N, C-alpha and C. Protein backbone atom coordinates (compact mmCIF):
# COMPACT_ATOMS: atom_id res chain seq x y z
N SER A 1 0.91 -1.08 -0.07
CA SER A 1 -0.20 -0.03 -0.02
C SER A 1 0.67 1.30 -0.13
N THR A 2 0.30 2.35 -0.22
CA THR A 2 0.97 3.50 -0.25
C THR A 2 1.42 3.94 0.94
N LEU A 3 0.90 3.66 2.09
CA LEU A 3 1.16 3.95 3.57
C LEU A 3 2.61 3.18 3.85
N GLU A 4 2.47 1.89 3.56
CA GLU A 4 3.63 0.94 3.79
C GLU A 4 4.96 1.47 2.88
N SER A 5 4.65 1.98 1.64
CA SER A 5 5.77 2.31 0.92
C SER A 5 6.29 3.80 1.55
N ILE A 6 5.71 4.52 2.12
CA ILE A 6 6.07 5.85 2.82
C ILE A 6 6.89 5.41 4.13
N LYS A 7 6.16 4.35 4.78
CA LYS A 7 6.82 4.09 6.01
C LYS A 7 8.30 3.57 5.55
N GLN A 8 8.45 2.72 4.53
CA GLN A 8 9.74 1.97 4.05
C GLN A 8 10.61 3.00 3.79
N GLN A 9 10.18 4.06 3.09
CA GLN A 9 11.09 5.22 2.94
C GLN A 9 11.65 5.92 3.92
N CYS A 10 10.88 6.22 4.92
CA CYS A 10 11.37 6.64 6.11
C CYS A 10 12.52 5.80 6.91
N VAL A 11 12.14 4.53 6.97
CA VAL A 11 13.21 3.51 7.63
C VAL A 11 14.58 3.56 6.74
N ASP A 12 14.35 3.65 5.51
CA ASP A 12 15.47 3.71 4.56
C ASP A 12 16.32 4.87 4.75
N GLU A 13 15.48 5.98 4.81
CA GLU A 13 16.30 7.40 5.02
C GLU A 13 16.84 7.44 6.50
N LEU A 14 16.33 7.01 7.26
CA LEU A 14 16.92 6.92 8.69
C LEU A 14 18.07 6.12 8.83
N ALA A 15 17.98 5.01 8.12
CA ALA A 15 19.20 3.99 7.92
C ALA A 15 20.30 4.61 7.26
N ARG A 16 20.10 5.40 6.09
CA ARG A 16 21.01 6.02 5.23
C ARG A 16 21.74 7.34 5.78
N ALA A 17 20.80 8.29 6.46
CA ALA A 17 21.37 9.31 6.95
C ALA A 17 22.30 9.09 8.33
N GLY A 18 21.70 8.39 9.16
CA GLY A 18 22.62 8.28 10.51
C GLY A 18 22.60 9.46 11.18
N THR A 19 22.27 10.59 10.69
CA THR A 19 22.47 11.68 11.47
C THR A 19 21.31 12.16 12.57
N TYR A 20 20.48 11.39 12.54
CA TYR A 20 19.22 11.88 13.41
C TYR A 20 19.33 11.26 14.61
N SER A 21 19.13 11.96 15.69
CA SER A 21 19.30 11.41 17.04
C SER A 21 18.49 10.05 17.38
N SER A 22 19.29 9.32 18.15
CA SER A 22 18.72 7.80 18.42
C SER A 22 17.23 7.97 18.86
N ASN A 23 16.81 8.88 19.67
CA ASN A 23 15.49 8.95 20.23
C ASN A 23 14.45 9.00 19.09
N ILE A 24 14.87 9.76 18.25
CA ILE A 24 13.97 10.07 17.15
C ILE A 24 13.95 8.78 16.16
N THR A 25 15.15 8.19 16.16
CA THR A 25 15.04 6.99 15.17
C THR A 25 14.25 5.95 15.78
N GLU A 26 14.37 5.71 17.33
CA GLU A 26 13.84 4.75 18.16
C GLU A 26 12.29 5.13 18.13
N SER A 27 11.91 6.23 18.27
CA SER A 27 10.52 6.72 18.30
C SER A 27 9.80 6.34 16.95
N ILE A 28 10.39 6.48 15.87
CA ILE A 28 9.57 6.15 14.82
C ILE A 28 9.60 4.73 14.50
N THR A 29 10.77 3.82 14.49
CA THR A 29 10.50 2.58 14.45
C THR A 29 9.68 1.80 15.55
N GLU A 30 9.61 2.37 16.43
CA GLU A 30 8.72 1.68 17.53
C GLU A 30 7.01 1.79 17.05
N MET A 31 6.86 2.97 16.29
CA MET A 31 5.50 3.08 15.83
C MET A 31 5.03 2.36 14.58
N MET A 32 6.41 1.82 13.80
CA MET A 32 6.05 1.25 12.67
C MET A 32 5.73 -0.17 12.72
N CYS A 33 4.23 -0.67 12.46
CA CYS A 33 4.13 -2.05 12.71
C CYS A 33 3.60 -2.52 11.17
N PRO A 34 3.84 -3.87 11.04
CA PRO A 34 3.16 -4.35 9.79
C PRO A 34 1.76 -4.11 9.70
N ASN A 35 1.68 -3.48 8.20
CA ASN A 35 0.10 -3.45 7.89
C ASN A 35 -0.73 -2.63 8.92
N GLU A 36 -0.08 -1.64 9.79
CA GLU A 36 -0.72 -1.02 11.09
C GLU A 36 -1.63 -1.90 11.75
N CYS A 37 -1.22 -3.12 11.93
CA CYS A 37 -1.88 -4.33 12.97
C CYS A 37 -3.23 -4.75 12.07
N SER A 38 -3.26 -4.41 10.87
CA SER A 38 -4.76 -4.81 10.31
C SER A 38 -5.85 -3.87 10.64
N ASN A 39 -5.71 -2.94 11.48
CA ASN A 39 -6.78 -2.31 11.95
C ASN A 39 -7.74 -1.45 10.99
N THR A 40 -8.75 -1.42 11.04
CA THR A 40 -9.75 -0.58 10.41
C THR A 40 -10.58 0.36 10.89
N ASP A 41 -11.52 1.07 10.37
CA ASP A 41 -12.11 1.96 11.24
C ASP A 41 -13.20 1.25 11.91
N ASP A 42 -13.59 0.23 11.77
CA ASP A 42 -14.72 -0.60 12.48
C ASP A 42 -14.08 -1.46 13.41
N VAL A 43 -12.90 -2.22 13.45
CA VAL A 43 -12.15 -3.04 14.06
C VAL A 43 -10.76 -2.80 14.54
N THR A 44 -10.47 -2.94 15.66
CA THR A 44 -9.09 -2.95 16.02
C THR A 44 -8.55 -4.29 16.23
N HIS A 45 -7.78 -4.65 15.43
CA HIS A 45 -7.06 -6.22 15.39
C HIS A 45 -6.07 -6.16 16.50
N GLY A 46 -5.20 -5.06 16.77
CA GLY A 46 -4.19 -4.99 17.52
C GLY A 46 -3.53 -3.69 17.77
N VAL A 47 -2.58 -3.79 18.68
CA VAL A 47 -1.95 -2.45 19.12
C VAL A 47 -0.42 -2.60 18.74
N CYS A 48 0.09 -1.46 18.07
CA CYS A 48 1.40 -1.47 17.76
C CYS A 48 2.20 -1.10 19.24
N VAL A 49 3.19 -1.91 19.32
CA VAL A 49 4.14 -1.80 20.67
C VAL A 49 5.49 -2.16 20.18
N ASN A 50 6.53 -1.09 20.23
CA ASN A 50 7.77 -1.21 19.86
C ASN A 50 7.98 -2.03 18.46
N GLY A 51 7.15 -1.60 17.65
CA GLY A 51 7.38 -2.10 16.12
C GLY A 51 6.69 -3.43 16.07
N THR A 52 5.98 -4.13 17.15
CA THR A 52 5.37 -5.34 16.79
C THR A 52 3.82 -5.33 17.22
N CYS A 53 3.12 -6.08 16.69
CA CYS A 53 1.77 -5.79 16.69
C CYS A 53 1.22 -6.99 17.94
N ASP A 54 0.76 -6.32 18.80
CA ASP A 54 0.21 -7.25 19.90
C ASP A 54 -1.37 -7.42 19.72
N CYS A 55 -1.72 -8.58 19.14
CA CYS A 55 -3.04 -8.93 18.62
C CYS A 55 -4.10 -8.98 19.77
N ASN A 56 -5.36 -8.38 19.54
CA ASN A 56 -6.71 -8.61 20.34
C ASN A 56 -7.15 -9.88 19.88
N GLU A 57 -7.60 -10.75 20.83
CA GLU A 57 -8.54 -11.89 20.42
C GLU A 57 -9.44 -11.66 19.60
N PRO A 58 -10.02 -12.25 18.53
CA PRO A 58 -9.40 -13.59 18.06
C PRO A 58 -8.23 -13.29 17.06
N PHE A 59 -7.52 -12.49 16.74
CA PHE A 59 -6.68 -12.14 15.79
C PHE A 59 -5.24 -12.42 16.26
N THR A 60 -4.53 -12.82 15.14
CA THR A 60 -3.22 -13.45 15.44
C THR A 60 -2.34 -13.27 13.87
N GLY A 61 -1.12 -13.47 14.05
CA GLY A 61 -0.31 -13.10 12.77
C GLY A 61 0.75 -12.00 13.17
N ASP A 62 1.65 -11.85 12.32
CA ASP A 62 2.61 -10.65 12.45
C ASP A 62 1.85 -9.48 12.25
N ASP A 63 0.64 -9.54 11.60
CA ASP A 63 0.16 -8.17 11.49
C ASP A 63 -1.50 -8.23 11.83
N CYS A 64 -1.75 -8.95 12.67
CA CYS A 64 -2.94 -9.41 13.29
C CYS A 64 -4.03 -9.45 12.39
N SER A 65 -3.70 -10.06 11.15
CA SER A 65 -4.85 -10.22 9.97
C SER A 65 -5.60 -11.51 9.98
N ILE A 66 -5.10 -12.66 10.63
CA ILE A 66 -5.98 -13.79 10.87
C ILE A 66 -6.87 -13.91 12.00
N ASN A 67 -7.96 -14.12 11.48
CA ASN A 67 -9.07 -14.44 12.79
C ASN A 67 -8.87 -15.89 12.93
N SER A 68 -8.48 -16.17 14.36
CA SER A 68 -8.07 -17.53 14.67
C SER A 68 -9.22 -18.24 14.76
N THR A 69 -10.39 -17.89 14.82
CA THR A 69 -11.54 -18.75 14.83
C THR A 69 -12.41 -18.94 13.65
N ALA A 70 -11.83 -18.18 12.53
CA ALA A 70 -12.32 -18.34 11.14
C ALA A 70 -12.02 -19.55 10.55
N SER A 71 -12.59 -20.26 9.50
CA SER A 71 -12.34 -21.58 8.95
C SER A 71 -11.14 -21.07 8.04
N PRO A 72 -10.19 -21.83 7.89
CA PRO A 72 -9.13 -21.82 6.92
C PRO A 72 -9.75 -21.66 5.63
N GLU A 73 -9.07 -20.81 4.59
CA GLU A 73 -9.70 -20.73 3.42
C GLU A 73 -9.22 -21.45 2.25
N ASP A 74 -10.16 -21.64 1.14
CA ASP A 74 -9.55 -22.51 -0.05
C ASP A 74 -8.71 -23.80 0.20
N VAL A 75 -9.32 -24.61 1.19
CA VAL A 75 -8.82 -25.84 1.58
C VAL A 75 -8.89 -26.84 0.51
N ARG A 76 -7.44 -27.44 0.30
CA ARG A 76 -7.43 -28.64 -0.65
C ARG A 76 -6.45 -29.65 -0.17
N LEU A 77 -6.44 -30.68 -0.70
CA LEU A 77 -5.33 -31.74 -0.39
C LEU A 77 -4.43 -31.85 -1.60
N TYR A 78 -3.24 -32.16 -1.10
CA TYR A 78 -2.10 -32.06 -2.07
C TYR A 78 -2.48 -33.13 -3.18
N ASN A 79 -1.88 -32.91 -4.36
CA ASN A 79 -2.29 -34.16 -5.37
C ASN A 79 -3.63 -34.41 -5.57
N ASP A 80 -4.42 -33.30 -5.41
CA ASP A 80 -6.11 -33.70 -5.52
C ASP A 80 -6.35 -34.64 -4.58
N GLY A 81 -5.72 -35.15 -3.32
CA GLY A 81 -6.26 -36.10 -2.46
C GLY A 81 -5.73 -37.51 -2.91
N LEU A 82 -5.06 -37.68 -3.87
CA LEU A 82 -4.58 -38.99 -4.26
C LEU A 82 -3.24 -39.37 -3.60
N CYS A 83 -3.17 -40.41 -2.83
CA CYS A 83 -1.94 -40.49 -2.35
C CYS A 83 -1.44 -42.15 -2.67
N ASP A 84 -0.46 -42.31 -3.40
CA ASP A 84 0.33 -43.49 -3.84
C ASP A 84 1.05 -44.15 -2.75
N VAL A 85 0.33 -45.30 -2.12
CA VAL A 85 1.12 -45.94 -1.08
C VAL A 85 2.62 -46.50 -1.24
N SER A 86 2.70 -46.48 -2.40
CA SER A 86 4.19 -47.19 -2.79
C SER A 86 5.29 -46.12 -2.81
N SER A 87 4.93 -44.81 -2.57
CA SER A 87 5.83 -43.80 -2.73
C SER A 87 5.75 -42.83 -1.56
N THR A 88 4.72 -42.84 -0.81
CA THR A 88 4.18 -41.64 0.13
C THR A 88 3.61 -42.52 1.38
N ASP A 89 3.72 -41.51 2.60
CA ASP A 89 3.29 -41.95 3.91
C ASP A 89 1.70 -41.60 3.79
N CYS A 90 0.90 -42.50 3.48
CA CYS A 90 -0.63 -42.20 3.47
C CYS A 90 -1.52 -41.90 4.71
N SER A 91 -0.68 -42.13 5.70
CA SER A 91 -1.38 -42.13 7.12
C SER A 91 -1.38 -40.71 7.28
N ILE A 92 -1.11 -39.75 6.39
CA ILE A 92 -0.87 -38.24 6.90
C ILE A 92 -1.57 -37.53 5.57
N ALA A 93 -2.63 -36.81 5.79
CA ALA A 93 -3.16 -35.81 4.75
C ALA A 93 -2.26 -34.43 4.48
N ASP A 94 -1.85 -34.27 3.50
CA ASP A 94 -1.13 -32.88 3.45
C ASP A 94 -2.21 -31.86 2.78
N VAL A 95 -2.49 -31.02 3.73
CA VAL A 95 -3.63 -30.06 3.55
C VAL A 95 -3.09 -28.56 3.10
N THR A 96 -3.62 -28.11 2.09
CA THR A 96 -3.11 -26.55 1.91
C THR A 96 -4.38 -25.79 1.73
N GLY A 97 -4.02 -24.46 1.71
CA GLY A 97 -5.01 -23.40 1.93
C GLY A 97 -4.61 -22.16 2.47
N PHE A 98 -5.56 -21.27 2.88
CA PHE A 98 -4.86 -20.04 3.46
C PHE A 98 -5.43 -19.92 4.89
N ASN A 99 -4.60 -19.24 5.66
CA ASN A 99 -5.14 -18.56 7.07
C ASN A 99 -4.77 -19.85 8.11
N PHE A 100 -3.98 -20.87 8.10
CA PHE A 100 -3.92 -21.65 9.08
C PHE A 100 -3.14 -21.11 10.36
N VAL A 101 -3.73 -21.21 11.42
CA VAL A 101 -3.13 -20.55 12.71
C VAL A 101 -2.13 -21.39 13.55
N PRO A 102 -1.00 -21.32 13.68
CA PRO A 102 0.08 -22.03 14.39
C PRO A 102 -0.67 -22.54 15.82
N ASP A 103 -0.20 -24.14 15.97
CA ASP A 103 -0.60 -24.76 17.13
C ASP A 103 -2.05 -24.63 17.40
N ALA A 104 -2.99 -24.25 16.57
CA ALA A 104 -4.56 -24.50 16.64
C ALA A 104 -5.20 -24.95 15.54
N VAL A 105 -4.36 -25.59 14.47
CA VAL A 105 -5.18 -26.20 13.46
C VAL A 105 -5.85 -27.76 13.95
N ASN A 106 -7.01 -28.02 13.78
CA ASN A 106 -7.61 -29.13 14.30
C ASN A 106 -7.93 -29.77 12.95
N CYS A 107 -7.78 -31.32 12.89
CA CYS A 107 -8.02 -31.88 11.95
C CYS A 107 -9.20 -32.96 12.37
N PHE A 108 -10.10 -33.29 11.33
CA PHE A 108 -11.21 -34.22 11.48
C PHE A 108 -11.15 -35.24 10.31
N TYR A 109 -11.60 -36.60 10.52
CA TYR A 109 -11.57 -37.30 9.40
C TYR A 109 -12.67 -38.42 9.65
N GLN A 110 -13.23 -38.75 8.27
CA GLN A 110 -14.31 -39.80 8.41
C GLN A 110 -13.91 -40.98 7.43
N GLN A 111 -13.71 -42.17 7.69
CA GLN A 111 -13.29 -43.09 6.82
C GLN A 111 -14.42 -43.39 5.96
N VAL A 112 -13.79 -43.69 4.82
CA VAL A 112 -14.99 -43.98 3.44
C VAL A 112 -14.25 -45.14 2.79
N GLU A 113 -15.03 -45.74 2.02
CA GLU A 113 -14.44 -46.63 0.91
C GLU A 113 -14.85 -46.14 -0.40
N VAL A 114 -13.69 -46.13 -1.27
CA VAL A 114 -13.93 -45.79 -2.76
C VAL A 114 -13.82 -46.77 -3.49
N ASP A 115 -14.73 -47.08 -4.52
CA ASP A 115 -14.72 -48.16 -5.45
C ASP A 115 -15.43 -47.67 -6.90
N GLU A 116 -15.82 -48.47 -7.86
CA GLU A 116 -16.07 -47.97 -9.16
C GLU A 116 -17.58 -47.47 -9.12
N ASN A 117 -18.11 -47.62 -7.91
CA ASN A 117 -19.53 -47.23 -7.73
C ASN A 117 -19.36 -45.55 -7.07
N GLY A 118 -18.38 -45.23 -6.73
CA GLY A 118 -18.30 -44.04 -5.89
C GLY A 118 -17.85 -44.27 -4.34
N VAL A 119 -18.01 -43.14 -3.61
CA VAL A 119 -17.65 -43.08 -2.30
C VAL A 119 -18.81 -43.71 -1.31
N THR A 120 -18.35 -44.52 -0.30
CA THR A 120 -19.45 -45.06 0.76
C THR A 120 -18.86 -44.68 2.07
N ASP A 121 -19.65 -43.95 3.05
CA ASP A 121 -19.07 -43.78 4.33
C ASP A 121 -18.92 -45.25 4.95
N ILE A 122 -17.82 -45.47 5.85
CA ILE A 122 -17.59 -46.52 6.69
C ILE A 122 -18.01 -46.09 8.01
N ASP A 123 -17.52 -44.91 8.29
CA ASP A 123 -18.01 -44.35 9.70
C ASP A 123 -19.03 -43.31 9.29
N ASP A 124 -19.83 -43.42 10.32
CA ASP A 124 -21.18 -42.44 10.14
C ASP A 124 -21.21 -41.13 10.77
N HIS A 125 -19.70 -40.67 11.00
CA HIS A 125 -19.46 -39.28 11.45
C HIS A 125 -18.15 -38.86 11.55
N MET A 126 -17.89 -37.78 11.58
CA MET A 126 -16.35 -37.23 11.46
C MET A 126 -15.85 -37.60 12.71
N SER A 127 -14.65 -37.70 12.98
CA SER A 127 -13.86 -37.97 14.18
C SER A 127 -13.89 -36.75 15.16
N ASP A 128 -13.38 -37.11 16.29
CA ASP A 128 -13.04 -35.99 17.31
C ASP A 128 -11.79 -35.40 16.68
N ALA A 129 -11.62 -33.92 17.26
CA ALA A 129 -10.36 -33.29 16.62
C ALA A 129 -9.12 -33.94 16.95
N ARG A 130 -8.23 -33.75 16.05
CA ARG A 130 -6.79 -34.22 16.34
C ARG A 130 -5.88 -32.97 15.88
N LEU A 131 -5.05 -32.50 16.61
CA LEU A 131 -4.07 -31.45 16.32
C LEU A 131 -3.31 -31.79 15.09
N GLY A 132 -3.47 -30.70 14.02
CA GLY A 132 -2.67 -30.74 12.76
C GLY A 132 -1.17 -30.37 13.15
N GLN A 133 -0.21 -30.88 12.30
CA GLN A 133 1.04 -30.46 12.46
C GLN A 133 1.21 -29.23 11.66
N PHE A 134 1.51 -27.90 12.07
CA PHE A 134 1.33 -26.58 11.31
C PHE A 134 2.79 -26.71 10.71
N MET A 135 2.59 -26.31 9.30
CA MET A 135 4.07 -26.24 8.38
C MET A 135 4.23 -24.87 8.26
N THR A 136 3.06 -24.07 7.81
CA THR A 136 3.15 -22.80 7.24
C THR A 136 1.84 -22.25 7.37
N ILE A 137 1.48 -20.95 7.01
CA ILE A 137 0.10 -20.44 7.30
C ILE A 137 -0.30 -21.09 6.16
N ASN A 138 0.16 -21.69 5.06
CA ASN A 138 -0.80 -22.43 3.80
C ASN A 138 -0.59 -23.87 3.81
N GLU A 139 -0.07 -24.66 4.86
CA GLU A 139 0.10 -25.85 4.75
C GLU A 139 0.08 -26.57 6.33
N VAL A 140 -0.75 -27.59 6.51
CA VAL A 140 -0.95 -28.44 7.79
C VAL A 140 -0.95 -29.96 7.17
N LEU A 141 -0.22 -30.58 8.07
CA LEU A 141 -0.39 -32.08 8.01
C LEU A 141 -1.33 -32.53 8.81
N CYS A 142 -2.31 -33.45 8.51
CA CYS A 142 -3.25 -34.11 9.27
C CYS A 142 -2.90 -35.64 9.55
N PRO A 143 -2.57 -36.04 10.90
CA PRO A 143 -2.62 -37.40 10.96
C PRO A 143 -4.05 -38.08 10.85
N LEU A 144 -3.86 -39.24 10.20
CA LEU A 144 -4.92 -40.12 10.07
C LEU A 144 -4.77 -41.43 10.81
N PRO A 145 -5.77 -42.06 11.30
CA PRO A 145 -5.54 -43.26 12.01
C PRO A 145 -4.86 -44.41 11.33
N ASP A 146 -4.95 -44.44 10.05
CA ASP A 146 -4.33 -45.64 9.29
C ASP A 146 -4.10 -45.34 7.95
N VAL A 147 -3.61 -46.02 7.26
CA VAL A 147 -3.44 -45.76 5.43
C VAL A 147 -4.83 -46.10 5.19
N GLY A 148 -5.59 -45.21 4.20
CA GLY A 148 -6.93 -45.75 3.82
C GLY A 148 -7.45 -44.48 3.19
N SER A 149 -8.81 -44.52 2.87
CA SER A 149 -9.42 -43.35 2.45
C SER A 149 -10.63 -42.65 3.40
N TYR A 150 -10.43 -41.34 3.23
CA TYR A 150 -11.00 -40.51 4.37
C TYR A 150 -11.56 -39.17 3.73
N TYR A 151 -12.90 -38.70 4.26
CA TYR A 151 -13.02 -37.13 4.05
C TYR A 151 -12.23 -36.48 4.97
N VAL A 152 -11.43 -35.56 5.09
CA VAL A 152 -10.74 -34.67 5.86
C VAL A 152 -11.32 -33.00 5.93
N GLN A 153 -11.27 -32.71 7.03
CA GLN A 153 -11.76 -31.14 7.31
C GLN A 153 -10.90 -30.66 8.25
N VAL A 154 -10.48 -29.41 8.24
CA VAL A 154 -9.82 -28.69 9.25
C VAL A 154 -10.39 -27.41 9.71
N SER A 155 -10.01 -27.03 10.88
CA SER A 155 -10.64 -25.74 11.47
C SER A 155 -9.53 -25.05 12.28
N ASN A 156 -9.61 -23.81 12.75
CA ASN A 156 -8.63 -23.18 13.39
C ASN A 156 -9.54 -22.94 14.79
N ASN A 157 -8.83 -23.40 16.13
CA ASN A 157 -9.24 -23.43 17.25
C ASN A 157 -10.59 -23.75 17.39
N ASP A 158 -11.05 -24.96 16.75
CA ASP A 158 -12.36 -25.67 16.81
C ASP A 158 -13.33 -24.71 16.29
N GLY A 159 -13.17 -23.86 15.50
CA GLY A 159 -14.17 -22.89 14.87
C GLY A 159 -14.77 -23.60 13.86
N GLU A 160 -15.29 -23.10 12.60
CA GLU A 160 -15.77 -23.33 11.61
C GLU A 160 -15.02 -24.34 10.90
N ARG A 161 -15.58 -25.43 10.42
CA ARG A 161 -14.78 -26.50 9.70
C ARG A 161 -14.59 -26.00 8.17
N SER A 162 -13.66 -26.56 7.65
CA SER A 162 -13.74 -26.42 5.92
C SER A 162 -14.74 -27.42 5.61
N GLU A 163 -14.85 -27.23 4.22
CA GLU A 163 -15.62 -28.60 3.33
C GLU A 163 -14.86 -29.60 3.50
N PRO A 164 -15.33 -30.70 3.50
CA PRO A 164 -14.66 -32.04 3.51
C PRO A 164 -13.90 -32.23 2.19
N SER A 165 -12.84 -32.91 2.15
CA SER A 165 -11.89 -32.92 0.98
C SER A 165 -11.71 -34.53 1.12
N LEU A 166 -11.38 -35.31 0.00
CA LEU A 166 -11.21 -36.55 -0.03
C LEU A 166 -9.95 -37.03 -0.41
N HIS A 167 -9.38 -37.94 0.73
CA HIS A 167 -8.02 -38.36 0.68
C HIS A 167 -8.12 -40.04 0.18
N ILE A 168 -7.56 -40.26 -0.66
CA ILE A 168 -7.67 -41.77 -1.20
C ILE A 168 -6.22 -42.12 -1.23
N ALA A 169 -5.96 -43.18 -0.50
CA ALA A 169 -4.93 -44.16 -0.52
C ALA A 169 -5.06 -45.26 -1.45
N TYR A 170 -3.97 -45.29 -2.36
CA TYR A 170 -4.28 -46.23 -3.46
C TYR A 170 -2.93 -46.93 -3.64
N ASN A 171 -2.72 -48.21 -4.38
CA ASN A 171 -1.67 -49.03 -4.89
C ASN A 171 -1.65 -49.01 -6.16
N PRO A 172 -0.63 -48.33 -6.88
CA PRO A 172 -0.64 -48.31 -8.19
C PRO A 172 -0.57 -49.60 -8.97
N THR A 173 -0.05 -50.74 -8.24
CA THR A 173 -0.05 -51.98 -8.76
C THR A 173 -1.29 -52.66 -9.08
N CYS A 174 -2.24 -52.04 -8.18
CA CYS A 174 -3.50 -52.73 -8.13
C CYS A 174 -4.62 -51.68 -8.72
N TYR A 175 -4.39 -50.51 -8.70
CA TYR A 175 -5.50 -49.48 -9.22
C TYR A 175 -4.66 -48.43 -9.95
N SER A 176 -5.32 -47.90 -10.81
CA SER A 176 -4.65 -46.55 -11.70
C SER A 176 -5.77 -45.40 -10.99
N CYS A 177 -5.52 -44.48 -10.54
CA CYS A 177 -6.32 -43.49 -10.01
C CYS A 177 -5.87 -42.05 -10.94
N VAL A 178 -6.94 -41.18 -11.07
CA VAL A 178 -7.11 -40.12 -11.81
C VAL A 178 -8.28 -39.37 -10.89
N ALA A 179 -7.87 -38.00 -10.54
CA ALA A 179 -8.94 -37.27 -9.72
C ALA A 179 -10.01 -37.03 -10.57
N GLU A 180 -9.87 -36.97 -11.97
CA GLU A 180 -11.17 -36.71 -12.78
C GLU A 180 -12.27 -37.90 -12.66
N ASP A 181 -11.79 -39.09 -12.32
CA ASP A 181 -12.76 -40.22 -12.28
C ASP A 181 -13.50 -40.41 -11.09
N ILE A 182 -13.27 -39.53 -10.11
CA ILE A 182 -13.67 -39.72 -8.87
C ILE A 182 -15.03 -38.77 -8.80
């Protein structure tokens, strides 16, 4: 944004000039937080303290832009959910999306059977939450109870869940699997 660009120019000038008093330099640096802590006219996401955003609940992230109770967005499984058991650990679902919260992503699964007639539920409901392994703000690994096929959902802090995504473990010597066939 324009404001971020102007702020960066100020920081660059302070670093280049070096002739300003250290009090002025510290004061300016302490007031500069990423994205102004994502505050809007309607909502205060956080407060800038010494150049770092101190986020208000339920917001998190470097700039307090992530609502930790909102569902992660655009959730998908790696490789369209197809997992080749001969080359991959299929007891883990690799989930991608946006706005995963560190140490707060929960995974849910429901075992299913996939055959030429489609998908049939084996379990009649989603599992209790299991803590996902946070990799980045855009990737989390969900542990599954065993190698198999499952519907997988994720949530931040037990908030709203994502839509279910289908994880299919298959052996290529027995089956050939193409996402369009499902």
